[in-house]
Amino acid sequence: MTVYLASQSPRRKELLASLGVTFEVLPIEVDEQIQTLEGAEDYVARVARDKARAGLDTLAQRGESGALVIGSDTAVVVDRDILGKPTGYDDYADMMEKLSGRAHSVMTSVALATHEHIDVRIVTSRVVFADLMPDQIRVYWETGEPADKAGGYAVQGLASVFIKRIEGSYSAIVGLPLREMAQMLTAQGVPVWSGALASV
């Protein structure tokens, strides 16, 4: 059974590869706009599900069936506000000011879909930021790293110096919850680490 990752994120690609799974990347486009009155959990679950389903639709158009498609989405949440990718410096700076010196949640969903079934899991982690100085916020933006990141920062990148504490799944914060992903794949008969994690 062929496994597809419906994402162009290099971070998700690296994380999935770390499980020893053979897969192909399937670029897709879905609507990632937050809907009216949509909560963070509903939002990340919907986007992950839509990505997986869009991947199945793309494969069906190619005449391919019997595949597994993985979709995933991550949202940074503070004061019930969902922080997406910054639209520019001002938007990014507002995000950093909201995150500075306090805790926030990072929600990551992963969907594993076949033509018969779709399994969705959501993992919520907590990240505590140190107090940020204006110069730090400006210089970090100038590195280019925040531009395409949910919440305007990369936990695995230069922003690691901002982080005082993490509670929960580091891999989920980066973009793909590996424990849950391993469980979902092995349940579908896809071995990870050559089957070594089948009982996790």
Protein backbone atom coordinates (compact mmCIF):
# COMPACT_ATOMS: atom_id res chain seq x y z
CA MET A 1 0.00 0.00 0.00
CA THR A 2 1.48 3.34 -1.08
CA VAL A 3 1.64 6.11 1.52
CA TYR A 4 1.32 9.74 0.43
CA LEU A 5 2.01 12.89 2.44
CA ALA A 6 -0.39 15.64 1.34
CA SER A 7 1.95 18.43 2.37
CA GLN A 8 4.88 20.34 0.96
CA SER A 9 6.23 21.14 4.43
CA PRO A 10 9.88 20.09 4.65
CA ARG A 11 9.46 19.67 8.41
CA ARG A 12 6.61 17.17 8.05
CA LYS A 13 8.55 15.34 5.36
CA GLU A 14 11.57 14.99 7.66
CA LEU A 15 9.44 13.86 10.60
CA LEU A 16 7.58 11.21 8.61
CA ALA A 17 10.86 9.96 7.12
CA SER A 18 12.22 9.54 10.65
CA LEU A 19 9.68 6.73 11.16
CA GLY A 20 11.34 4.73 8.40
CA VAL A 21 8.20 4.86 6.26
CA THR A 22 8.44 4.89 2.47
CA PHE A 23 6.16 7.60 1.11
CA GLU A 24 5.63 10.08 -1.69
CA VAL A 25 4.88 13.78 -1.35
CA LEU A 26 1.58 14.85 -2.90
CA PRO A 27 1.28 18.65 -3.29
CA ILE A 28 -2.31 19.82 -2.78
CA GLU A 29 -4.16 23.06 -2.14
CA VAL A 30 -7.06 23.47 0.30
CA ASP A 31 -8.87 26.40 1.90
CA GLU A 32 -7.06 27.18 5.15
CA GLN A 33 -9.15 30.22 6.06
CA ILE A 34 -10.68 30.09 9.53
CA GLN A 35 -14.46 29.84 9.32
CA THR A 36 -16.82 31.98 11.39
CA LEU A 37 -17.14 30.68 14.98
CA GLU A 38 -14.71 27.84 14.22
CA GLY A 39 -12.67 26.82 17.27
CA ALA A 40 -9.01 25.86 17.08
CA GLU A 41 -9.56 22.10 17.41
CA ASP A 42 -12.28 22.11 14.77
CA TYR A 43 -10.10 24.22 12.52
CA VAL A 44 -6.98 22.04 12.58
CA ALA A 45 -9.06 18.85 12.29
CA ARG A 46 -10.95 20.22 9.28
CA VAL A 47 -7.84 21.37 7.44
CA ALA A 48 -6.00 18.08 8.02
CA ARG A 49 -9.07 16.13 6.90
CA ASP A 50 -9.48 18.33 3.81
CA LYS A 51 -5.83 17.85 2.86
CA ALA A 52 -6.11 14.07 3.13
CA ARG A 53 -9.35 14.01 1.13
CA ALA A 54 -7.92 16.33 -1.52
CA GLY A 55 -5.00 13.93 -1.82
CA LEU A 56 -7.36 11.01 -2.34
CA ASP A 57 -9.24 13.00 -4.99
CA THR A 58 -6.00 13.78 -6.81
CA LEU A 59 -5.01 10.12 -6.80
CA ALA A 60 -8.47 9.08 -8.01
CA GLN A 61 -8.07 11.41 -10.99
CA ARG A 62 -4.86 9.55 -11.79
CA GLY A 63 -6.68 6.26 -11.54
CA GLU A 64 -4.86 5.25 -8.36
CA SER A 65 -6.69 3.51 -5.53
CA GLY A 66 -5.79 1.65 -2.36
CA ALA A 67 -3.48 4.38 -1.08
CA LEU A 68 -3.07 5.94 2.35
CA VAL A 69 -2.98 9.73 2.43
CA ILE A 70 -1.72 11.78 5.37
CA GLY A 71 -2.88 15.34 5.98
CA SER A 72 -1.80 17.53 8.87
CA ASP A 73 -2.21 21.06 10.16
CA THR A 74 -0.81 23.11 13.04
CA ALA A 75 -2.20 26.16 14.80
CA VAL A 76 -0.75 28.39 17.49
CA VAL A 77 -3.45 29.51 19.91
CA VAL A 78 -3.31 32.32 22.48
CA ASP A 79 -6.33 33.82 24.24
CA ARG A 80 -8.51 31.67 21.96
CA ASP A 81 -7.07 33.47 18.94
CA ILE A 82 -5.66 31.25 16.19
CA LEU A 83 -2.36 32.64 14.92
CA GLY A 84 -1.71 31.63 11.34
CA LYS A 85 1.23 32.50 9.13
CA PRO A 86 2.08 36.21 9.38
CA THR A 87 0.96 38.36 6.47
CA GLY A 88 3.85 40.77 6.95
CA TYR A 89 6.09 42.33 9.57
CA ASP A 90 3.37 44.18 11.47
CA ASP A 91 1.24 41.05 11.74
CA TYR A 92 4.28 39.05 12.86
CA ALA A 93 5.27 41.67 15.46
CA ASP A 94 1.74 41.62 16.88
CA MET A 95 2.00 37.84 17.22
CA MET A 96 5.33 38.03 19.03
CA GLU A 97 3.96 40.63 21.44
CA LYS A 98 1.05 38.31 22.23
CA LEU A 99 3.40 35.36 22.82
CA SER A 100 6.07 37.25 24.77
CA GLY A 101 6.50 36.26 28.41
CA ARG A 102 3.63 33.80 28.58
CA ALA A 103 2.29 30.37 27.67
CA HIS A 104 0.36 29.44 24.55
CA SER A 105 -1.02 26.27 23.00
CA VAL A 106 0.08 24.54 19.82
CA MET A 107 -2.53 22.23 18.29
CA THR A 108 -1.54 19.79 15.58
CA SER A 109 -3.95 17.45 13.84
CA VAL A 110 -3.08 14.49 11.65
CA ALA A 111 -5.53 12.71 9.36
CA LEU A 112 -4.89 9.33 7.77
CA ALA A 113 -7.35 8.59 4.97
CA THR A 114 -8.27 5.72 2.69
CA HIS A 115 -11.27 5.57 0.38
CA GLU A 116 -13.14 3.70 3.12
CA HIS A 117 -12.09 5.47 6.30
CA ILE A 118 -10.45 8.57 7.77
CA ASP A 119 -8.82 8.70 11.20
CA VAL A 120 -8.11 12.11 12.76
CA ARG A 121 -6.08 12.78 15.91
CA ILE A 122 -5.38 16.11 17.61
CA VAL A 123 -2.42 16.71 19.89
CA THR A 124 -2.22 19.83 22.06
CA SER A 125 1.07 21.01 23.54
CA ARG A 126 2.04 24.02 25.64
CA VAL A 127 4.93 26.38 24.95
CA VAL A 128 6.17 29.06 27.35
CA PHE A 129 8.02 32.04 25.87
CA ALA A 130 10.51 34.27 27.64
CA ASP A 131 10.02 38.03 27.58
CA LEU A 132 11.02 39.29 24.13
CA MET A 133 12.76 42.58 23.47
CA PRO A 134 11.79 44.69 20.42
CA ASP A 135 15.24 44.19 18.89
CA GLN A 136 14.90 40.40 19.20
CA ILE A 137 11.54 40.50 17.46
CA ARG A 138 12.91 42.65 14.62
CA VAL A 139 16.13 40.68 14.12
CA TYR A 140 14.29 37.35 14.12
CA TRP A 141 11.99 38.60 11.36
CA GLU A 142 15.01 39.67 9.31
CA THR A 143 16.31 36.08 9.31
CA GLY A 144 13.34 35.10 7.13
CA GLU A 145 12.47 32.13 9.32
CA PRO A 146 9.11 33.35 10.69
CA ALA A 147 7.50 34.20 7.34
CA ASP A 148 5.91 30.82 6.58
CA LYS A 149 5.40 29.52 10.12
CA ALA A 150 2.14 29.27 12.06
CA GLY A 151 2.40 31.71 14.94
CA GLY A 152 5.42 33.36 13.35
CA TYR A 153 8.12 31.11 14.81
CA ALA A 154 9.87 27.76 14.38
CA VAL A 155 10.39 25.84 17.61
CA GLN A 156 13.18 23.81 16.00
CA GLY A 157 14.91 26.86 14.57
CA LEU A 158 16.37 30.13 15.75
CA ALA A 159 13.32 30.83 17.92
CA SER A 160 14.41 28.04 20.27
CA VAL A 161 16.27 30.74 22.22
CA PHE A 162 12.89 32.35 23.04
CA ILE A 163 11.46 29.22 24.64
CA LYS A 164 11.59 28.66 28.39
CA ARG A 165 9.60 25.44 28.55
CA ILE A 166 7.66 22.93 26.46
CA GLU A 167 4.96 20.62 27.77
CA GLY A 168 3.70 17.90 25.44
CA SER A 169 4.87 16.60 22.07
CA TYR A 170 7.87 18.32 20.53
CA SER A 171 7.30 16.63 17.16
CA ALA A 172 3.68 17.82 17.15
CA ILE A 173 4.84 21.39 17.73
CA VAL A 174 7.23 21.05 14.79
CA GLY A 175 4.38 19.76 12.62
CA LEU A 176 3.63 16.03 12.96
CA PRO A 177 2.90 14.08 16.19
CA LEU A 178 5.11 11.02 15.71
CA ARG A 179 3.68 8.79 18.43
CA GLU A 180 0.15 9.16 17.09
CA MET A 181 1.36 8.89 13.50
CA ALA A 182 3.13 5.61 14.28
CA GLN A 183 0.00 4.22 15.93
CA MET A 184 -2.18 5.19 12.98
CA LEU A 185 0.17 3.71 10.40
CA THR A 186 0.69 0.41 12.22
CA ALA A 187 -3.10 0.09 12.61
CA GLN A 188 -3.27 0.20 8.79
CA GLY A 189 -0.56 -2.42 8.43
CA VAL A 190 2.25 -0.01 7.59
CA PRO A 191 5.35 -0.89 9.62
CA VAL A 192 7.43 1.87 11.19
CA TRP A 193 11.07 1.30 12.05
CA SER A 194 10.66 -2.06 10.27
CA GLY A 195 7.89 -3.01 12.68
CA ALA A 196 9.83 -2.23 15.85
CA LEU A 197 7.15 0.21 17.03
CA ALA A 198 4.17 -1.99 16.23
CA SER A 199 3.31 -2.38 19.93
CA VAL A 200 3.67 1.32 20.87
